[in-house]
Amino acid sequence: MESTANQIAEQLVRLKVLIVDDEYTMRKVTRSLLQAIGVKHIYEAYDGKSGLEAICTIVPDVVILDWEMPSPNGPEFVRRVRSPDDFPLPDVPVIMLTCHGERSRVVEAVKLGVNEFLLKPVSTSALLARLVSILGRPRRMVRKGDYYGPEPRRLSSYKPESDPGLSQVVLVN
């Protein structure tokens, strides 16, 4: 168990994370949470347009994306990224961050191809759980009709009692 924890800690230190949020305070809070769990390479974009450009120049391992921003907003951003014929890095893992936890939003985010969904305010443990999920249980990217994104989870294999961030995330197949 300890070797797994060490491996994850080593991965977190090497991880490049891009935060895309139009609110300076939220970028600062997210940066602090990432630093608290050991992430060293943190980049920021203040809107969707600069975030799309940053993906291409930084080539992050994970994008943490706000839902509500000036154009493109979070959903439009994900649609552009998850366009393998038009966007150069369509497989980058995306964590959607929002204060709106309605089931319809979660379902829309999943249909858009986000890897993880987090509700604000975010705790360190919930953010860590989402990163560990991306790093430790990566899902292959699939194309089915208009959908391009991570292969849907099999909920039967998901063990909520082992997930410290369960109170802040809802998984939908």
N, C-alpha and C. Protein backbone atom coordinates (compact mmCIF):
# COMPACT_ATOMS: atom_id res chain seq x y z
N MET A 1 0.83 -1.20 0.00
CA MET A 1 0.00 0.00 0.00
C MET A 1 0.87 1.26 0.00
N GLU A 2 1.94 1.22 0.79
CA GLU A 2 2.80 2.40 0.88
C GLU A 2 3.48 2.70 -0.45
N SER A 3 3.86 1.65 -1.20
CA SER A 3 4.51 1.89 -2.48
C SER A 3 3.54 2.56 -3.46
N THR A 4 2.25 2.20 -3.39
CA THR A 4 1.26 2.86 -4.23
C THR A 4 1.15 4.33 -3.86
N ALA A 5 1.12 4.62 -2.56
CA ALA A 5 1.05 6.01 -2.10
C ALA A 5 2.28 6.78 -2.56
N ASN A 6 3.45 6.15 -2.47
CA ASN A 6 4.68 6.79 -2.94
C ASN A 6 4.64 7.05 -4.44
N GLN A 7 4.13 6.08 -5.19
CA GLN A 7 4.03 6.24 -6.64
C GLN A 7 3.12 7.41 -6.99
N ILE A 8 1.99 7.49 -6.31
CA ILE A 8 1.05 8.58 -6.56
C ILE A 8 1.69 9.91 -6.19
N ALA A 9 2.37 9.97 -5.06
CA ALA A 9 3.04 11.21 -4.64
C ALA A 9 4.07 11.63 -5.68
N GLU A 10 4.82 10.66 -6.23
CA GLU A 10 5.80 10.98 -7.27
C GLU A 10 5.12 11.48 -8.54
N GLN A 11 3.99 10.88 -8.89
CA GLN A 11 3.24 11.33 -10.07
C GLN A 11 2.72 12.75 -9.87
N LEU A 12 2.23 13.05 -8.67
CA LEU A 12 1.70 14.38 -8.39
C LEU A 12 2.78 15.45 -8.52
N VAL A 13 3.99 15.13 -8.07
CA VAL A 13 5.09 16.09 -8.15
C VAL A 13 5.42 16.41 -9.61
N ARG A 14 5.32 15.40 -10.48
CA ARG A 14 5.65 15.59 -11.91
C ARG A 14 4.48 16.13 -12.73
N LEU A 15 3.28 16.07 -12.18
CA LEU A 15 2.06 16.43 -12.91
C LEU A 15 2.05 17.89 -13.33
N LYS A 16 1.62 18.15 -14.57
CA LYS A 16 1.40 19.52 -15.05
C LYS A 16 -0.11 19.75 -15.08
N VAL A 17 -0.57 20.72 -14.30
CA VAL A 17 -2.00 21.01 -14.21
C VAL A 17 -2.28 22.42 -14.71
N LEU A 18 -3.29 22.54 -15.56
CA LEU A 18 -3.74 23.83 -16.05
C LEU A 18 -5.09 24.13 -15.41
N ILE A 19 -5.17 25.28 -14.74
CA ILE A 19 -6.42 25.76 -14.14
C ILE A 19 -7.00 26.80 -15.10
N VAL A 20 -8.24 26.57 -15.55
CA VAL A 20 -8.90 27.52 -16.43
C VAL A 20 -10.13 28.04 -15.70
N ASP A 21 -10.05 29.28 -15.24
CA ASP A 21 -11.14 29.88 -14.47
C ASP A 21 -11.04 31.39 -14.62
N ASP A 22 -12.15 32.05 -14.83
CA ASP A 22 -12.13 33.50 -15.00
C ASP A 22 -12.04 34.25 -13.68
N GLU A 23 -12.23 33.57 -12.56
CA GLU A 23 -12.15 34.23 -11.26
C GLU A 23 -10.77 34.03 -10.64
N TYR A 24 -10.08 35.13 -10.44
CA TYR A 24 -8.72 35.09 -9.87
C TYR A 24 -8.70 34.36 -8.52
N THR A 25 -9.66 34.67 -7.67
CA THR A 25 -9.68 34.06 -6.34
C THR A 25 -9.82 32.55 -6.43
N MET A 26 -10.65 32.07 -7.33
CA MET A 26 -10.83 30.62 -7.46
C MET A 26 -9.56 29.97 -8.02
N ARG A 27 -8.89 30.63 -8.94
CA ARG A 27 -7.62 30.09 -9.44
C ARG A 27 -6.62 29.99 -8.30
N LYS A 28 -6.58 31.02 -7.47
CA LYS A 28 -5.65 31.05 -6.33
C LYS A 28 -5.97 29.93 -5.34
N VAL A 29 -7.25 29.72 -5.04
CA VAL A 29 -7.66 28.66 -4.11
C VAL A 29 -7.30 27.29 -4.70
N THR A 30 -7.60 27.09 -5.97
CA THR A 30 -7.29 25.81 -6.62
C THR A 30 -5.79 25.56 -6.64
N ARG A 31 -5.03 26.60 -6.92
CA ARG A 31 -3.56 26.49 -6.90
C ARG A 31 -3.08 26.06 -5.51
N SER A 32 -3.63 26.68 -4.47
CA SER A 32 -3.23 26.34 -3.10
C SER A 32 -3.57 24.88 -2.76
N LEU A 33 -4.74 24.42 -3.20
CA LEU A 33 -5.12 23.03 -2.96
C LEU A 33 -4.17 22.07 -3.68
N LEU A 34 -3.84 22.40 -4.92
CA LEU A 34 -2.91 21.56 -5.67
C LEU A 34 -1.53 21.53 -5.01
N GLN A 35 -1.06 22.67 -4.56
CA GLN A 35 0.23 22.73 -3.88
C GLN A 35 0.20 21.90 -2.59
N ALA A 36 -0.92 21.93 -1.88
CA ALA A 36 -1.05 21.18 -0.63
C ALA A 36 -0.97 19.67 -0.84
N ILE A 37 -1.33 19.20 -2.03
CA ILE A 37 -1.24 17.75 -2.29
C ILE A 37 0.02 17.38 -3.06
N GLY A 38 0.90 18.36 -3.27
CA GLY A 38 2.21 18.06 -3.84
C GLY A 38 2.41 18.38 -5.30
N VAL A 39 1.43 18.99 -5.95
CA VAL A 39 1.59 19.35 -7.36
C VAL A 39 2.50 20.57 -7.45
N LYS A 40 3.52 20.48 -8.29
CA LYS A 40 4.52 21.55 -8.41
C LYS A 40 4.36 22.39 -9.67
N HIS A 41 3.84 21.78 -10.74
CA HIS A 41 3.77 22.46 -12.03
C HIS A 41 2.32 22.86 -12.30
N ILE A 42 2.01 24.11 -11.94
CA ILE A 42 0.64 24.61 -12.03
C ILE A 42 0.63 25.84 -12.93
N TYR A 43 -0.28 25.80 -13.90
CA TYR A 43 -0.41 26.90 -14.84
C TYR A 43 -1.84 27.43 -14.77
N GLU A 44 -2.03 28.68 -15.17
CA GLU A 44 -3.35 29.28 -15.09
C GLU A 44 -3.72 29.96 -16.39
N ALA A 45 -5.02 29.92 -16.69
CA ALA A 45 -5.59 30.66 -17.80
C ALA A 45 -6.84 31.36 -17.28
N TYR A 46 -7.00 32.61 -17.66
CA TYR A 46 -8.06 33.45 -17.10
C TYR A 46 -9.38 33.39 -17.88
N ASP A 47 -9.40 32.68 -19.01
CA ASP A 47 -10.65 32.49 -19.74
C ASP A 47 -10.50 31.28 -20.67
N GLY A 48 -11.62 30.91 -21.30
CA GLY A 48 -11.60 29.73 -22.15
C GLY A 48 -10.66 29.84 -23.34
N LYS A 49 -10.61 31.01 -23.97
CA LYS A 49 -9.75 31.19 -25.14
C LYS A 49 -8.28 30.99 -24.77
N SER A 50 -7.84 31.63 -23.69
CA SER A 50 -6.44 31.48 -23.29
C SER A 50 -6.18 30.06 -22.78
N GLY A 51 -7.21 29.41 -22.24
CA GLY A 51 -7.07 28.02 -21.81
C GLY A 51 -6.83 27.07 -22.97
N LEU A 52 -7.56 27.27 -24.05
CA LEU A 52 -7.37 26.43 -25.24
C LEU A 52 -5.97 26.61 -25.80
N GLU A 53 -5.51 27.86 -25.83
CA GLU A 53 -4.15 28.14 -26.31
C GLU A 53 -3.11 27.52 -25.38
N ALA A 54 -3.37 27.59 -24.06
CA ALA A 54 -2.42 27.05 -23.08
C ALA A 54 -2.28 25.54 -23.19
N ILE A 55 -3.37 24.85 -23.50
CA ILE A 55 -3.28 23.40 -23.67
C ILE A 55 -2.26 23.07 -24.76
N CYS A 56 -2.31 23.82 -25.84
CA CYS A 56 -1.42 23.56 -26.97
C CYS A 56 0.03 23.92 -26.69
N THR A 57 0.28 24.90 -25.84
CA THR A 57 1.67 25.30 -25.56
C THR A 57 2.24 24.58 -24.33
N ILE A 58 1.43 24.37 -23.31
CA ILE A 58 1.91 23.74 -22.07
C ILE A 58 1.84 22.22 -22.14
N VAL A 59 0.85 21.70 -22.85
CA VAL A 59 0.55 20.26 -22.92
C VAL A 59 0.41 19.71 -21.49
N PRO A 60 -0.63 20.16 -20.79
CA PRO A 60 -0.82 19.73 -19.40
C PRO A 60 -1.25 18.26 -19.32
N ASP A 61 -1.04 17.68 -18.15
CA ASP A 61 -1.49 16.31 -17.89
C ASP A 61 -2.96 16.30 -17.48
N VAL A 62 -3.43 17.40 -16.90
CA VAL A 62 -4.81 17.54 -16.44
C VAL A 62 -5.22 19.00 -16.57
N VAL A 63 -6.50 19.22 -16.93
CA VAL A 63 -7.08 20.55 -16.96
C VAL A 63 -8.19 20.60 -15.92
N ILE A 64 -8.15 21.61 -15.06
CA ILE A 64 -9.24 21.86 -14.12
C ILE A 64 -9.98 23.06 -14.67
N LEU A 65 -11.25 22.86 -15.01
CA LEU A 65 -12.01 23.82 -15.81
C LEU A 65 -13.26 24.29 -15.09
N ASP A 66 -13.44 25.60 -15.04
CA ASP A 66 -14.66 26.18 -14.49
C ASP A 66 -15.79 26.06 -15.52
N TRP A 67 -17.01 25.83 -15.03
CA TRP A 67 -18.17 25.71 -15.92
C TRP A 67 -18.56 27.06 -16.50
N GLU A 68 -18.65 28.07 -15.63
CA GLU A 68 -19.16 29.38 -16.06
C GLU A 68 -18.02 30.37 -16.25
N MET A 69 -17.79 30.71 -17.52
CA MET A 69 -16.77 31.69 -17.89
C MET A 69 -17.26 32.41 -19.13
N PRO A 70 -16.62 33.53 -19.46
CA PRO A 70 -16.92 34.15 -20.75
C PRO A 70 -16.53 33.18 -21.88
N SER A 71 -17.03 33.44 -23.04
CA SER A 71 -16.88 32.56 -24.19
C SER A 71 -15.42 32.21 -24.49
N PRO A 72 -15.12 30.93 -24.69
CA PRO A 72 -16.04 29.83 -24.52
C PRO A 72 -16.21 29.46 -23.04
N ASN A 73 -17.44 29.12 -22.67
CA ASN A 73 -17.67 28.66 -21.31
C ASN A 73 -17.18 27.22 -21.17
N GLY A 74 -17.34 26.64 -19.99
CA GLY A 74 -16.83 25.30 -19.76
C GLY A 74 -17.32 24.25 -20.75
N PRO A 75 -18.64 24.14 -20.96
CA PRO A 75 -19.13 23.15 -21.92
C PRO A 75 -18.61 23.38 -23.34
N GLU A 76 -18.58 24.64 -23.80
CA GLU A 76 -18.05 24.93 -25.14
C GLU A 76 -16.57 24.56 -25.23
N PHE A 77 -15.84 24.84 -24.15
CA PHE A 77 -14.41 24.51 -24.07
C PHE A 77 -14.21 23.02 -24.25
N VAL A 78 -14.98 22.22 -23.51
CA VAL A 78 -14.84 20.76 -23.60
C VAL A 78 -15.20 20.28 -25.00
N ARG A 79 -16.25 20.83 -25.60
CA ARG A 79 -16.62 20.44 -26.96
C ARG A 79 -15.46 20.67 -27.93
N ARG A 80 -14.78 21.81 -27.78
CA ARG A 80 -13.65 22.11 -28.67
C ARG A 80 -12.48 21.16 -28.43
N VAL A 81 -12.18 20.93 -27.16
CA VAL A 81 -11.06 20.03 -26.84
C VAL A 81 -11.36 18.61 -27.32
N ARG A 82 -12.56 18.14 -27.11
CA ARG A 82 -12.93 16.76 -27.47
C ARG A 82 -13.30 16.63 -28.94
N SER A 83 -12.64 17.39 -29.78
CA SER A 83 -12.82 17.32 -31.24
C SER A 83 -11.52 16.84 -31.86
N PRO A 84 -11.33 15.51 -31.90
CA PRO A 84 -10.03 14.98 -32.36
C PRO A 84 -9.67 15.34 -33.79
N ASP A 85 -10.64 15.69 -34.61
CA ASP A 85 -10.32 16.09 -35.99
C ASP A 85 -9.87 17.54 -36.08
N ASP A 86 -10.17 18.34 -35.03
CA ASP A 86 -9.87 19.76 -35.08
C ASP A 86 -8.92 20.26 -33.99
N PHE A 87 -8.85 19.55 -32.87
CA PHE A 87 -8.03 20.00 -31.75
C PHE A 87 -6.84 19.07 -31.58
N PRO A 88 -5.63 19.61 -31.43
CA PRO A 88 -4.44 18.76 -31.43
C PRO A 88 -4.27 17.85 -30.20
N LEU A 89 -4.89 18.16 -29.08
CA LEU A 89 -4.72 17.36 -27.86
C LEU A 89 -6.09 17.01 -27.26
N PRO A 90 -6.89 16.21 -27.96
CA PRO A 90 -8.26 15.96 -27.51
C PRO A 90 -8.37 14.99 -26.33
N ASP A 91 -7.26 14.35 -25.96
CA ASP A 91 -7.31 13.33 -24.91
C ASP A 91 -6.95 13.85 -23.52
N VAL A 92 -6.64 15.12 -23.39
CA VAL A 92 -6.23 15.66 -22.09
C VAL A 92 -7.37 15.46 -21.08
N PRO A 93 -7.07 14.88 -19.92
CA PRO A 93 -8.11 14.72 -18.90
C PRO A 93 -8.62 16.06 -18.39
N VAL A 94 -9.95 16.15 -18.23
CA VAL A 94 -10.60 17.38 -17.80
C VAL A 94 -11.41 17.12 -16.54
N ILE A 95 -11.17 17.95 -15.53
CA ILE A 95 -11.98 17.95 -14.32
C ILE A 95 -12.85 19.20 -14.38
N MET A 96 -14.17 19.02 -14.44
CA MET A 96 -15.10 20.15 -14.49
C MET A 96 -15.39 20.58 -13.06
N LEU A 97 -15.22 21.86 -12.82
CA LEU A 97 -15.40 22.44 -11.49
C LEU A 97 -16.55 23.45 -11.56
N THR A 98 -17.53 23.29 -10.69
CA THR A 98 -18.69 24.18 -10.73
C THR A 98 -19.38 24.24 -9.39
N CYS A 99 -20.17 25.28 -9.19
CA CYS A 99 -20.99 25.37 -7.99
C CYS A 99 -22.40 24.84 -8.26
N HIS A 100 -22.64 24.36 -9.47
CA HIS A 100 -23.94 23.82 -9.85
C HIS A 100 -23.88 22.29 -9.89
N GLY A 101 -24.53 21.64 -8.94
CA GLY A 101 -24.47 20.19 -8.85
C GLY A 101 -25.73 19.49 -9.29
N GLU A 102 -26.60 20.18 -10.02
CA GLU A 102 -27.82 19.54 -10.48
C GLU A 102 -27.49 18.33 -11.35
N ARG A 103 -28.33 17.32 -11.24
CA ARG A 103 -28.11 16.10 -12.02
C ARG A 103 -27.97 16.41 -13.52
N SER A 104 -28.77 17.36 -14.02
CA SER A 104 -28.70 17.69 -15.44
C SER A 104 -27.32 18.21 -15.84
N ARG A 105 -26.67 18.97 -14.94
CA ARG A 105 -25.31 19.47 -15.23
C ARG A 105 -24.30 18.33 -15.26
N VAL A 106 -24.43 17.44 -14.30
CA VAL A 106 -23.51 16.31 -14.24
C VAL A 106 -23.66 15.46 -15.50
N VAL A 107 -24.89 15.17 -15.88
CA VAL A 107 -25.15 14.37 -17.08
C VAL A 107 -24.59 15.08 -18.31
N GLU A 108 -24.81 16.39 -18.41
CA GLU A 108 -24.27 17.14 -19.55
C GLU A 108 -22.75 17.07 -19.58
N ALA A 109 -22.11 17.23 -18.43
CA ALA A 109 -20.65 17.17 -18.37
C ALA A 109 -20.14 15.81 -18.82
N VAL A 110 -20.79 14.75 -18.38
CA VAL A 110 -20.39 13.39 -18.78
C VAL A 110 -20.57 13.22 -20.28
N LYS A 111 -21.68 13.71 -20.81
CA LYS A 111 -21.93 13.59 -22.25
C LYS A 111 -20.93 14.40 -23.07
N LEU A 112 -20.41 15.47 -22.49
CA LEU A 112 -19.40 16.28 -23.17
C LEU A 112 -18.04 15.60 -23.19
N GLY A 113 -17.80 14.71 -22.23
CA GLY A 113 -16.53 13.99 -22.20
C GLY A 113 -15.59 14.41 -21.09
N VAL A 114 -16.11 14.99 -19.99
CA VAL A 114 -15.21 15.29 -18.88
C VAL A 114 -14.83 14.00 -18.17
N ASN A 115 -13.67 14.01 -17.57
CA ASN A 115 -13.21 12.83 -16.83
C ASN A 115 -13.77 12.79 -15.42
N GLU A 116 -13.85 13.96 -14.80
CA GLU A 116 -14.30 14.05 -13.41
C GLU A 116 -15.13 15.32 -13.24
N PHE A 117 -15.92 15.36 -12.18
CA PHE A 117 -16.81 16.48 -11.90
C PHE A 117 -16.67 16.80 -10.42
N LEU A 118 -16.41 18.06 -10.10
CA LEU A 118 -16.26 18.49 -8.70
C LEU A 118 -17.13 19.71 -8.43
N LEU A 119 -17.69 19.74 -7.23
CA LEU A 119 -18.49 20.88 -6.80
C LEU A 119 -17.67 21.83 -5.95
N LYS A 120 -17.89 23.13 -6.18
CA LYS A 120 -17.29 24.15 -5.32
C LYS A 120 -18.15 24.26 -4.07
N PRO A 121 -17.61 24.55 -2.92
CA PRO A 121 -16.18 24.67 -2.65
C PRO A 121 -15.53 23.29 -2.61
N VAL A 122 -14.32 23.24 -3.12
CA VAL A 122 -13.60 21.98 -3.25
C VAL A 122 -12.69 21.78 -2.05
N SER A 123 -12.65 20.56 -1.57
CA SER A 123 -11.72 20.22 -0.49
C SER A 123 -10.46 19.60 -1.10
N THR A 124 -9.40 19.62 -0.33
CA THR A 124 -8.16 19.00 -0.77
C THR A 124 -8.37 17.52 -1.04
N SER A 125 -9.11 16.84 -0.15
CA SER A 125 -9.31 15.39 -0.31
C SER A 125 -10.13 15.07 -1.56
N ALA A 126 -11.14 15.89 -1.86
CA ALA A 126 -11.94 15.64 -3.05
C ALA A 126 -11.11 15.86 -4.32
N LEU A 127 -10.31 16.90 -4.36
CA LEU A 127 -9.46 17.15 -5.51
C LEU A 127 -8.43 16.04 -5.67
N LEU A 128 -7.83 15.64 -4.57
CA LEU A 128 -6.86 14.54 -4.61
C LEU A 128 -7.52 13.26 -5.13
N ALA A 129 -8.73 12.97 -4.67
CA ALA A 129 -9.43 11.77 -5.12
C ALA A 129 -9.65 11.78 -6.63
N ARG A 130 -10.00 12.94 -7.18
CA ARG A 130 -10.22 13.04 -8.63
C ARG A 130 -8.91 12.86 -9.39
N LEU A 131 -7.82 13.45 -8.89
CA LEU A 131 -6.52 13.28 -9.54
C LEU A 131 -6.04 11.84 -9.45
N VAL A 132 -6.22 11.22 -8.30
CA VAL A 132 -5.84 9.81 -8.14
C VAL A 132 -6.63 8.94 -9.10
N SER A 133 -7.90 9.25 -9.28
CA SER A 133 -8.73 8.50 -10.23
C SER A 133 -8.17 8.62 -11.64
N ILE A 134 -7.80 9.82 -12.04
CA ILE A 134 -7.24 10.04 -13.38
C ILE A 134 -5.89 9.34 -13.54
N LEU A 135 -5.05 9.45 -12.52
CA LEU A 135 -3.71 8.86 -12.59
C LEU A 135 -3.72 7.34 -12.39
N GLY A 136 -4.51 6.89 -11.43
CA GLY A 136 -4.48 5.48 -11.05
C GLY A 136 -5.42 4.59 -11.83
N ARG A 137 -6.48 5.16 -12.38
CA ARG A 137 -7.45 4.38 -13.15
C ARG A 137 -7.81 5.12 -14.43
N PRO A 138 -6.81 5.35 -15.28
CA PRO A 138 -7.10 6.10 -16.50
C PRO A 138 -8.07 5.32 -17.39
N ARG A 139 -8.94 6.07 -18.04
CA ARG A 139 -9.90 5.44 -18.96
C ARG A 139 -9.48 5.77 -20.38
N ARG A 140 -9.56 4.79 -21.24
CA ARG A 140 -9.18 5.03 -22.63
C ARG A 140 -10.23 5.92 -23.28
N MET A 141 -9.81 6.65 -24.29
CA MET A 141 -10.70 7.54 -25.01
C MET A 141 -11.43 6.73 -26.08
N VAL A 142 -12.71 7.00 -26.23
CA VAL A 142 -13.53 6.28 -27.20
C VAL A 142 -14.32 7.28 -28.04
N ARG A 143 -14.67 6.84 -29.23
CA ARG A 143 -15.54 7.63 -30.11
C ARG A 143 -16.76 6.76 -30.39
N LYS A 144 -17.92 7.30 -30.02
CA LYS A 144 -19.18 6.61 -30.29
C LYS A 144 -20.17 7.65 -30.81
N GLY A 145 -20.43 7.62 -32.10
CA GLY A 145 -21.31 8.62 -32.69
C GLY A 145 -20.70 10.00 -32.54
N ASP A 146 -21.46 10.93 -31.93
CA ASP A 146 -20.96 12.29 -31.71
C ASP A 146 -20.10 12.41 -30.47
N TYR A 147 -20.04 11.36 -29.67
CA TYR A 147 -19.29 11.41 -28.41
C TYR A 147 -17.83 11.05 -28.64
N TYR A 148 -16.94 11.88 -28.08
CA TYR A 148 -15.53 11.54 -27.99
C TYR A 148 -15.11 11.90 -26.57
N GLY A 149 -14.64 10.92 -25.84
CA GLY A 149 -14.24 11.18 -24.47
C GLY A 149 -13.85 9.90 -23.77
N PRO A 150 -13.68 10.00 -22.44
CA PRO A 150 -13.28 8.81 -21.70
C PRO A 150 -14.36 7.74 -21.72
N GLU A 151 -13.92 6.50 -21.82
CA GLU A 151 -14.85 5.39 -21.79
C GLU A 151 -15.68 5.46 -20.51
N PRO A 152 -16.99 5.31 -20.61
CA PRO A 152 -17.83 5.41 -19.40
C PRO A 152 -17.42 4.39 -18.34
N ARG A 153 -17.58 4.81 -17.10
CA ARG A 153 -17.28 3.93 -15.97
C ARG A 153 -18.31 2.83 -15.87
N ARG A 154 -17.91 1.77 -15.26
CA ARG A 154 -18.84 0.71 -14.89
C ARG A 154 -19.12 0.94 -13.41
N LEU A 155 -20.31 1.43 -13.11
CA LEU A 155 -20.65 1.82 -11.75
C LEU A 155 -20.59 0.65 -10.78
N SER A 156 -20.79 -0.56 -11.26
CA SER A 156 -20.77 -1.70 -10.35
C SER A 156 -19.39 -1.91 -9.73
N SER A 157 -18.34 -1.44 -10.40
CA SER A 157 -16.99 -1.60 -9.84
C SER A 157 -16.58 -0.41 -8.98
N TYR A 158 -17.41 0.60 -8.91
CA TYR A 158 -17.10 1.80 -8.13
C TYR A 158 -17.46 1.55 -6.68
N LYS A 159 -16.54 1.83 -5.76
CA LYS A 159 -16.74 1.58 -4.34
C LYS A 159 -16.79 2.91 -3.59
N PRO A 160 -18.00 3.48 -3.42
CA PRO A 160 -18.10 4.81 -2.82
C PRO A 160 -17.56 4.91 -1.41
N GLU A 161 -17.61 3.84 -0.63
CA GLU A 161 -17.13 3.95 0.74
C GLU A 161 -15.63 4.21 0.81
N SER A 162 -14.92 3.93 -0.28
CA SER A 162 -13.47 4.16 -0.29
C SER A 162 -13.12 5.52 -0.88
N ASP A 163 -14.11 6.32 -1.22
CA ASP A 163 -13.86 7.59 -1.89
C ASP A 163 -14.09 8.76 -0.94
N PRO A 164 -13.00 9.42 -0.48
CA PRO A 164 -13.16 10.53 0.46
C PRO A 164 -13.86 11.74 -0.16
N GLY A 165 -13.93 11.82 -1.47
CA GLY A 165 -14.55 12.97 -2.11
C GLY A 165 -15.98 12.72 -2.54
N LEU A 166 -16.57 11.62 -2.07
CA LEU A 166 -17.90 11.24 -2.52
C LEU A 166 -18.93 12.33 -2.29
N SER A 167 -18.83 13.03 -1.20
CA SER A 167 -19.83 14.05 -0.91
C SER A 167 -19.78 15.20 -1.91
N GLN A 168 -18.72 15.27 -2.70
CA GLN A 168 -18.59 16.39 -3.63
C GLN A 168 -18.62 15.96 -5.09
N VAL A 169 -18.94 14.72 -5.34
CA VAL A 169 -18.97 14.28 -6.73
C VAL A 169 -20.10 13.30 -6.92
N VAL A 170 -20.71 13.35 -8.08
CA VAL A 170 -21.75 12.41 -8.43
C VAL A 170 -21.31 11.76 -9.74
N LEU A 171 -21.25 10.44 -9.75
CA LEU A 171 -20.85 9.74 -10.94
C LEU A 171 -22.08 9.24 -11.67
N VAL A 172 -22.07 9.39 -12.98
CA VAL A 172 -23.17 8.94 -13.81
C VAL A 172 -22.58 8.14 -14.94
N ASN A 173 -23.22 7.06 -15.31
CA ASN A 173 -22.72 6.26 -16.41
C ASN A 173 -23.21 6.79 -17.73
